């Protein structure tokens, strides 16, 4: 990809006109006078994506020092999540001027530039003769941290987090796979574009705010709805939806806010669960403990499904069962995965004791599981 320029549209509604809804009400700021009150304020502002308020709470060092060890660990976790998802350049970029944006993603450091000379949503990557890739990108800064309503109860700021981190992961993929991307066939280009959108979704779900995480989850589950089943910009999101299904049904005690449907069929449970979870992610605010458990699981899922997917075309789910990025290559995979889901709904954790094979094979088919894939260390509606 010598001196090549790549232009991408930012993901997940970042550049799409928003619906006219009233602004999401913000939590009232209170001056907590006891450690427990400060802890509740910190976790509430973190979950509500009111990250600009958190530094004032972090400054209450005496209250934090008086917290329990578990509460202090949670505060440390929140500080790190903010450092991961809202680097020092975040506020500088909001000024709209050309700005260096060094960032760290999946244990890799990348130096990029926010460049207003580009068109909104554009990512430009140019490689020199030595194969070093220079990355520039641009997005609408007015959406960053905006409390204005966008769609389905999510704000423009929520959508912006998903779009921006999707773009940052796209740049990561190009710098990682640069040498493989020259002279791709049309089929390989499509495979890479699907990988790109899948990885963008996962990265945005991990590095974004808790509300952005729910938006990425909502969109992924929405990929099972109606015409989205065959829409190219939704197909790569479906594996993340199935990951969410497997994580939640196999650990229901971690996610008490989520309700699961019963009496499902293996052939259709993926779709039914996706639609069910989509509605819940739209309306249900996860607790801090639930959101933390989900974010940690997303990291594990990401590290198990890195750039090797470009070669294999498949990712490995928590069930250790495979799922192809290309639905035409998935075969009877949905039925085997569906039986695994049904077994877990009936008896959570059953496969942790019996391996990854569905406890009850679908009638007429042998239930099989793929080997575990290991690895290193999306876009718009």
Protein backbone atom coordinates (compact mmCIF):
# COMPACT_ATOMS: atom_id res chain seq x y z
CA UNK A 1 0.00 0.00 0.00
CA UNK A 2 2.68 2.51 -1.15
CA UNK A 3 1.64 6.16 -0.90
CA UNK A 4 -1.95 4.95 -0.81
CA UNK A 5 -4.71 7.07 0.60
CA UNK A 6 -7.62 5.42 2.36
CA UNK A 7 -10.85 7.28 3.03
CA UNK A 8 -13.36 5.87 5.49
CA UNK A 9 -16.65 7.17 6.79
CA UNK A 10 -16.85 7.22 10.56
CA UNK A 11 -18.92 4.67 12.10
CA UNK A 12 -22.11 4.11 13.89
CA UNK A 13 -24.01 7.27 13.17
CA UNK A 14 -21.23 9.78 13.95
CA UNK A 15 -21.91 11.59 10.67
CA UNK A 16 -25.63 10.83 10.48
CA UNK A 17 -28.23 13.47 11.26
CA UNK A 18 -29.69 12.78 14.68
CA UNK A 19 -33.35 12.50 15.57
CA UNK A 20 -34.76 15.43 17.55
CA UNK A 21 -35.09 14.26 21.11
CA UNK A 22 -34.74 16.17 24.35
CA UNK A 23 -31.28 16.21 25.90
CA UNK A 24 -30.48 13.46 28.38
CA UNK A 25 -30.80 14.88 31.90
CA UNK A 26 -27.49 14.97 33.74
CA UNK A 27 -27.02 13.78 37.27
CA UNK A 28 -27.02 16.57 39.82
CA UNK A 29 -23.57 17.32 41.18
CA UNK A 30 -23.37 17.07 44.92
CA UNK A 31 -20.51 17.75 47.24
CA UNK A 32 -20.22 14.40 48.99
CA UNK A 33 -19.15 14.73 52.59
CA UNK A 34 -18.39 11.08 53.29
CA UNK A 35 -16.37 8.40 51.47
CA UNK A 36 -19.45 6.39 50.55
CA UNK A 37 -21.09 9.43 49.00
CA UNK A 38 -18.00 10.24 46.95
CA UNK A 39 -17.82 6.64 45.77
CA UNK A 40 -21.47 6.68 44.69
CA UNK A 41 -20.92 9.98 42.87
CA UNK A 42 -17.86 8.66 41.03
CA UNK A 43 -19.53 5.46 39.85
CA UNK A 44 -22.73 7.31 38.89
CA UNK A 45 -20.87 9.90 36.80
CA UNK A 46 -18.76 7.19 35.20
CA UNK A 47 -21.81 5.16 34.14
CA UNK A 48 -23.66 8.28 32.93
CA UNK A 49 -20.65 9.20 30.74
CA UNK A 50 -20.23 12.47 32.63
CA UNK A 51 -16.50 12.03 32.53
CA UNK A 52 -15.77 15.75 32.52
CA UNK A 53 -17.06 15.88 36.11
CA UNK A 54 -14.90 13.07 37.44
CA UNK A 55 -11.59 14.93 37.95
CA UNK A 56 -13.26 17.02 40.66
CA UNK A 57 -14.28 13.82 42.45
CA UNK A 58 -10.83 12.28 42.03
CA UNK A 59 -9.39 15.35 43.77
CA UNK A 60 -11.19 14.36 46.99
CA UNK A 61 -8.21 12.30 48.05
CA UNK A 62 -9.09 12.16 51.74
CA UNK A 63 -12.50 10.66 51.00
CA UNK A 64 -10.97 8.17 48.56
CA UNK A 65 -8.32 7.19 51.12
CA UNK A 66 -11.10 6.47 53.62
CA UNK A 67 -13.00 4.17 51.23
CA UNK A 68 -12.95 0.40 51.53
CA UNK A 69 -10.24 -1.44 49.59
CA UNK A 70 -12.81 -2.67 47.07
CA UNK A 71 -14.13 0.85 46.53
CA UNK A 72 -10.60 2.18 46.08
CA UNK A 73 -9.97 -0.55 43.51
CA UNK A 74 -13.09 0.52 41.63
CA UNK A 75 -11.94 4.15 41.61
CA UNK A 76 -8.54 3.06 40.28
CA UNK A 77 -10.31 1.03 37.60
CA UNK A 78 -12.42 4.04 36.56
CA UNK A 79 -9.35 6.27 36.37
CA UNK A 80 -7.66 3.75 34.09
CA UNK A 81 -10.76 3.32 31.91
CA UNK A 82 -10.85 7.09 31.46
CA UNK A 83 -7.14 7.18 30.64
CA UNK A 84 -7.71 4.41 28.09
CA UNK A 85 -10.72 6.00 26.41
CA UNK A 86 -10.21 9.72 26.88
CA UNK A 87 -6.54 10.50 26.39
CA UNK A 88 -4.98 13.89 27.06
CA UNK A 89 -5.53 14.96 23.44
CA UNK A 90 -9.32 14.55 23.69
CA UNK A 91 -10.05 18.05 24.95
CA UNK A 92 -7.37 19.57 22.70
CA UNK A 93 -9.02 18.04 19.63
CA UNK A 94 -12.34 19.63 20.60
CA UNK A 95 -10.79 23.02 19.72
CA UNK A 96 -10.88 21.90 16.07
CA UNK A 97 -7.25 22.62 15.23
CA UNK A 98 -4.58 20.30 13.86
CA UNK A 99 -3.50 18.19 16.82
CA UNK A 100 -1.23 15.17 17.40
CA UNK A 101 -3.29 12.27 18.76
CA UNK A 102 -0.93 9.60 20.12
CA UNK A 103 -2.96 6.72 21.46
CA UNK A 104 -2.58 3.21 22.80
CA UNK A 105 -4.86 0.44 21.61
CA UNK A 106 -4.56 -3.28 22.44
CA UNK A 107 -1.01 -2.83 23.82
CA UNK A 108 0.14 -0.96 20.70
CA UNK A 109 1.17 2.70 20.51
CA UNK A 110 0.09 4.67 17.42
CA UNK A 111 0.92 8.23 16.48
CA UNK A 112 -1.80 9.90 14.43
CA UNK A 113 -2.85 13.44 13.59
CA UNK A 114 -6.23 15.11 13.84
CA UNK A 115 -6.30 17.23 10.68
CA UNK A 116 -9.18 19.63 9.89
CA UNK A 117 -7.89 19.86 6.31
CA UNK A 118 -9.53 16.48 5.70
CA UNK A 119 -13.25 16.01 5.16
CA UNK A 120 -15.37 14.88 8.12
CA UNK A 121 -15.13 11.13 8.58
CA UNK A 122 -11.97 10.77 6.49
CA UNK A 123 -9.01 8.64 7.55
CA UNK A 124 -5.91 9.15 5.44
CA UNK A 125 -3.06 6.69 5.55
CA UNK A 126 0.10 7.11 3.53
CA UNK A 127 3.03 4.70 3.58
CA UNK A 128 6.56 5.55 2.53
CA UNK A 129 9.07 3.29 0.80
CA UNK A 130 10.10 1.86 4.16
CA UNK A 131 6.52 0.83 4.90
CA UNK A 132 6.02 3.39 7.68
CA UNK A 133 2.39 4.50 7.71
CA UNK A 134 1.42 8.09 8.53
CA UNK A 135 -2.15 8.37 9.81
CA UNK A 136 -4.37 11.45 9.69
CA UNK A 137 -8.08 11.69 10.42
CA UNK A 138 -10.89 14.15 11.02
CA UNK A 139 -14.32 14.09 12.61
CA UNK A 140 -16.90 16.64 13.70
CA UNK A 141 -15.74 17.92 17.06
CA UNK A 142 -19.14 19.44 17.90
CA UNK A 143 -20.46 15.94 18.65
CA UNK A 144 -17.76 15.09 21.20
CA UNK A 145 -19.29 14.85 24.68
CA UNK A 146 -22.50 16.38 23.37
CA UNK A 147 -25.53 15.68 25.59
CA UNK A 148 -27.89 16.34 22.66
CA UNK A 149 -30.14 13.42 21.79
CA UNK A 150 -29.28 11.40 18.70
CA UNK A 151 -31.41 8.26 18.48
CA UNK A 152 -32.90 5.50 20.63
CA UNK A 153 -32.14 7.44 23.79
CA UNK A 154 -28.43 7.76 23.05
CA UNK A 155 -26.68 11.12 22.69
CA UNK A 156 -24.49 12.55 19.98
CA UNK A 157 -21.63 12.18 22.44
CA UNK A 158 -22.32 8.45 22.78
CA UNK A 159 -22.30 8.03 19.00
CA UNK A 160 -19.13 10.11 18.73
CA UNK A 161 -17.22 7.87 21.14
CA UNK A 162 -18.14 4.80 19.10
CA UNK A 163 -17.28 6.47 15.81
CA UNK A 164 -13.96 7.87 16.99
CA UNK A 165 -12.72 4.65 18.58
CA UNK A 166 -13.89 2.72 15.53
CA UNK A 167 -11.74 5.01 13.40
CA UNK A 168 -8.75 4.62 15.73
CA UNK A 169 -9.03 0.83 15.48
CA UNK A 170 -9.28 1.07 11.69
CA UNK A 171 -5.97 2.94 11.69
CA UNK A 172 -4.52 0.24 13.94
CA UNK A 173 -5.55 -2.47 11.50
CA UNK A 174 -4.02 -0.67 8.53
CA UNK A 175 -0.73 -0.11 10.29
CA UNK A 176 -0.68 -3.75 11.43
CA UNK A 177 -1.69 -5.37 8.13
CA UNK A 178 -0.14 -2.82 5.80
CA UNK A 179 2.11 -5.30 4.01
CA UNK A 180 -0.80 -7.66 3.29
CA UNK A 181 -3.13 -5.11 1.78
CA UNK A 182 -1.44 -4.42 -1.55
CA UNK A 183 -3.17 -5.88 -4.59
CA UNK A 184 -6.10 -7.50 -2.81
CA UNK A 185 -8.73 -9.28 -4.86
CA UNK A 186 -12.32 -8.05 -4.56
CA UNK A 187 -13.11 -11.02 -2.33
CA UNK A 188 -10.18 -10.21 -0.03
CA UNK A 189 -11.13 -6.54 0.05
CA UNK A 190 -14.59 -7.50 1.26
CA UNK A 191 -13.05 -9.83 3.85
CA UNK A 192 -10.83 -7.03 5.11
CA UNK A 193 -13.71 -4.54 5.23
CA UNK A 194 -15.71 -6.97 7.34
CA UNK A 195 -12.76 -7.53 9.64
CA UNK A 196 -12.32 -3.77 9.87
CA UNK A 197 -15.93 -3.18 10.90
CA UNK A 198 -15.95 -6.09 13.34
CA UNK A 199 -12.77 -4.92 15.06
CA UNK A 200 -14.00 -1.31 15.07
CA UNK A 201 -17.15 -2.39 16.89
CA UNK A 202 -15.21 -4.35 19.51
CA UNK A 203 -12.68 -1.56 20.10
CA UNK A 204 -15.39 1.08 20.44
CA UNK A 205 -17.28 -1.11 22.89
CA UNK A 206 -14.17 -1.49 25.05
CA UNK A 207 -12.62 1.98 24.92
CA UNK A 208 -15.82 4.02 24.88
CA UNK A 209 -17.90 5.18 27.81
CA UNK A 210 -20.45 2.81 29.39
CA UNK A 211 -23.18 4.52 27.36
CA UNK A 212 -21.11 4.14 24.17
CA UNK A 213 -20.65 0.48 25.08
CA UNK A 214 -24.42 0.05 25.19
CA UNK A 215 -24.75 1.85 21.84
CA UNK A 216 -22.24 -0.49 20.21
CA UNK A 217 -24.10 -3.44 21.74
CA UNK A 218 -27.44 -2.08 20.54
CA UNK A 219 -26.19 -1.71 16.97
CA UNK A 220 -24.67 -5.17 16.94
CA UNK A 221 -27.91 -6.79 18.09
CA UNK A 222 -29.79 -4.62 15.59
CA UNK A 223 -27.84 -6.46 12.87
CA UNK A 224 -30.31 -9.34 13.31
CA UNK A 225 -33.34 -7.18 12.61
CA UNK A 226 -35.19 -7.41 9.28
CA UNK A 227 -33.27 -6.14 6.28
CA UNK A 228 -30.14 -5.65 8.39
CA UNK A 229 -29.54 -9.39 8.13
CA UNK A 230 -28.32 -8.87 4.57
CA UNK A 231 -27.01 -5.28 4.88
CA UNK A 232 -23.26 -5.21 4.39
CA UNK A 233 -22.70 -2.51 7.00
CA UNK A 234 -24.46 -4.67 9.61
CA UNK A 235 -23.19 -8.18 8.79
CA UNK A 236 -19.76 -7.67 10.46
CA UNK A 237 -21.44 -6.64 13.72
CA UNK A 238 -23.31 -9.88 14.20
CA UNK A 239 -20.43 -11.82 15.82
CA UNK A 240 -20.25 -9.19 18.56
CA UNK A 241 -23.97 -9.67 19.18
CA UNK A 242 -23.44 -13.43 19.57
CA UNK A 243 -20.53 -12.78 21.91
CA UNK A 244 -22.87 -10.67 24.05
CA UNK A 245 -25.45 -13.45 24.05
CA UNK A 246 -22.96 -16.09 25.15
CA UNK A 247 -21.41 -13.88 27.82
CA UNK A 248 -24.75 -12.95 29.36
CA UNK A 249 -26.52 -16.32 29.25
CA UNK A 250 -23.53 -18.14 30.74
CA UNK A 251 -23.08 -15.59 33.56
CA UNK A 252 -26.60 -14.44 34.52
CA UNK A 253 -25.56 -13.61 38.08
CA UNK A 254 -23.12 -11.03 36.71
CA UNK A 255 -25.92 -9.29 34.81
CA UNK A 256 -29.03 -9.30 37.02
CA UNK A 257 -30.48 -6.31 35.15
CA UNK A 258 -30.80 -8.40 31.96
CA UNK A 259 -33.78 -10.72 31.52
CA UNK A 260 -33.52 -13.71 29.20
CA UNK A 261 -36.33 -15.33 27.18
CA UNK A 262 -37.10 -19.01 27.68
CA UNK A 263 -38.36 -21.85 25.47
CA UNK A 264 -36.21 -21.05 22.46
CA UNK A 265 -35.29 -23.12 19.39
CA UNK A 266 -31.66 -23.72 18.41
CA UNK A 267 -32.34 -22.61 14.83
CA UNK A 268 -33.62 -19.16 15.83
CA UNK A 269 -32.31 -18.39 19.32
CA UNK A 270 -29.43 -16.18 18.08
CA UNK A 271 -31.86 -13.88 16.31
CA UNK A 272 -34.45 -13.94 19.10
CA UNK A 273 -31.88 -13.17 21.78
CA UNK A 274 -30.35 -10.39 19.67
CA UNK A 275 -33.68 -8.63 19.30
CA UNK A 276 -34.41 -9.12 23.00
CA UNK A 277 -31.03 -7.75 24.08
CA UNK A 278 -31.25 -4.85 21.62
CA UNK A 279 -34.37 -3.59 23.38
CA UNK A 280 -32.78 -4.03 26.80
CA UNK A 281 -29.55 -2.25 25.86
CA UNK A 282 -31.68 0.64 24.65
CA UNK A 283 -33.65 0.97 27.89
CA UNK A 284 -31.53 -0.59 30.64
CA UNK A 285 -28.62 1.18 32.30
CA UNK A 286 -26.20 -1.43 33.57
CA UNK A 287 -24.86 -1.09 37.08
CA UNK A 288 -21.17 -0.34 37.58
CA UNK A 289 -20.49 -4.00 38.45
CA UNK A 290 -22.37 -5.20 35.35
CA UNK A 291 -20.62 -2.75 33.05
CA UNK A 292 -17.21 -3.65 34.46
CA UNK A 293 -17.87 -7.37 33.97
CA UNK A 294 -18.95 -6.74 30.38
CA UNK A 295 -15.97 -4.52 29.58
CA UNK A 296 -13.56 -7.11 30.98
CA UNK A 297 -15.24 -9.83 28.88
CA UNK A 298 -14.99 -7.64 25.76
CA UNK A 299 -11.24 -7.33 26.29
CA UNK A 300 -10.86 -11.11 26.50
CA UNK A 301 -12.97 -11.52 23.36
CA UNK A 302 -10.88 -8.98 21.49
CA UNK A 303 -7.56 -10.55 22.44
CA UNK A 304 -8.83 -13.96 21.32
CA UNK A 305 -9.86 -12.58 17.92
CA UNK A 306 -7.14 -10.38 16.49
CA UNK A 307 -5.84 -9.83 12.99
CA UNK A 308 -5.57 -13.57 12.30
CA UNK A 309 -9.24 -13.34 11.32
CA UNK A 310 -8.06 -11.77 8.06
CA UNK A 311 -6.58 -15.16 7.15
CA UNK A 312 -9.13 -17.49 8.70
CA UNK A 313 -12.32 -15.50 8.16
CA UNK A 314 -13.58 -16.84 11.49
CA UNK A 315 -13.56 -15.78 15.11
CA UNK A 316 -13.82 -17.88 18.23
CA UNK A 317 -16.66 -17.14 20.63
CA UNK A 318 -16.61 -17.65 24.42
CA UNK A 319 -18.24 -21.04 23.77
CA UNK A 320 -15.10 -21.94 21.76
CA UNK A 321 -17.42 -22.43 18.79
CA UNK A 322 -16.51 -20.64 15.55
CA UNK A 323 -18.45 -17.98 13.69
CA UNK A 324 -17.58 -16.91 10.17
CA UNK A 325 -17.54 -13.24 9.23
CA UNK A 326 -19.09 -14.31 5.93
CA UNK A 327 -22.58 -15.70 6.65
CA UNK A 328 -22.34 -17.85 3.51
CA UNK A 329 -19.37 -19.65 5.07
CA UNK A 330 -21.03 -20.28 8.43
CA UNK A 331 -22.73 -23.56 7.44
CA UNK A 332 -24.72 -25.03 10.34
CA UNK A 333 -22.77 -22.99 12.86
CA UNK A 334 -25.83 -21.06 14.02
CA UNK A 335 -27.58 -24.29 15.05
CA UNK A 336 -24.62 -25.56 17.11
CA UNK A 337 -24.21 -22.14 18.72
CA UNK A 338 -27.96 -22.00 19.28
CA UNK A 339 -27.96 -25.30 21.14
CA UNK A 340 -25.09 -24.05 23.30
CA UNK A 341 -27.15 -20.97 24.15
CA UNK A 342 -30.24 -23.02 24.98
CA UNK A 343 -28.19 -25.30 27.26
CA UNK A 344 -26.77 -22.27 29.07
CA UNK A 345 -30.16 -20.59 29.48
CA UNK A 346 -31.47 -23.79 31.06
CA UNK A 347 -28.40 -24.39 33.22
CA UNK A 348 -25.89 -21.52 33.33
CA UNK A 349 -22.28 -22.67 33.41
CA UNK A 350 -23.04 -26.20 32.23
CA UNK A 351 -20.34 -26.04 29.55
CA UNK A 352 -17.71 -24.89 32.00
CA UNK A 353 -18.06 -28.33 33.56
CA UNK A 354 -18.63 -30.37 30.40
CA UNK A 355 -16.31 -28.60 27.94
CA UNK A 356 -17.56 -26.50 25.04
CA UNK A 357 -19.76 -29.08 23.35
CA UNK A 358 -23.53 -28.47 23.54
CA UNK A 359 -24.98 -30.73 26.23
CA UNK A 360 -27.72 -31.84 23.86
CA UNK A 361 -26.86 -32.17 20.18
CA UNK A 362 -29.44 -30.77 17.74
CA UNK A 363 -31.56 -33.58 16.30
CA UNK A 364 -29.95 -35.18 13.28
CA UNK A 365 -26.62 -33.39 13.74
CA UNK A 366 -23.51 -34.07 15.74
CA UNK A 367 -22.60 -31.22 18.02
CA UNK A 368 -19.00 -30.17 17.51
CA UNK A 369 -16.77 -27.48 18.81
CA UNK A 370 -13.81 -25.80 17.17
CA UNK A 371 -10.36 -25.54 18.70
CA UNK A 372 -9.70 -22.39 20.66
CA UNK A 373 -8.15 -19.66 18.54
CA UNK A 374 -5.41 -17.59 20.09
CA UNK A 375 -4.08 -14.26 18.97
CA UNK A 376 -2.37 -11.04 19.76
CA UNK A 377 -3.41 -8.26 20.38
CA UNK A 378 -16.89 -0.27 13.18
CA UNK A 379 -19.18 1.44 11.49
CA UNK A 380 -22.26 3.32 10.77
CA UNK A 381 -25.85 2.69 10.91
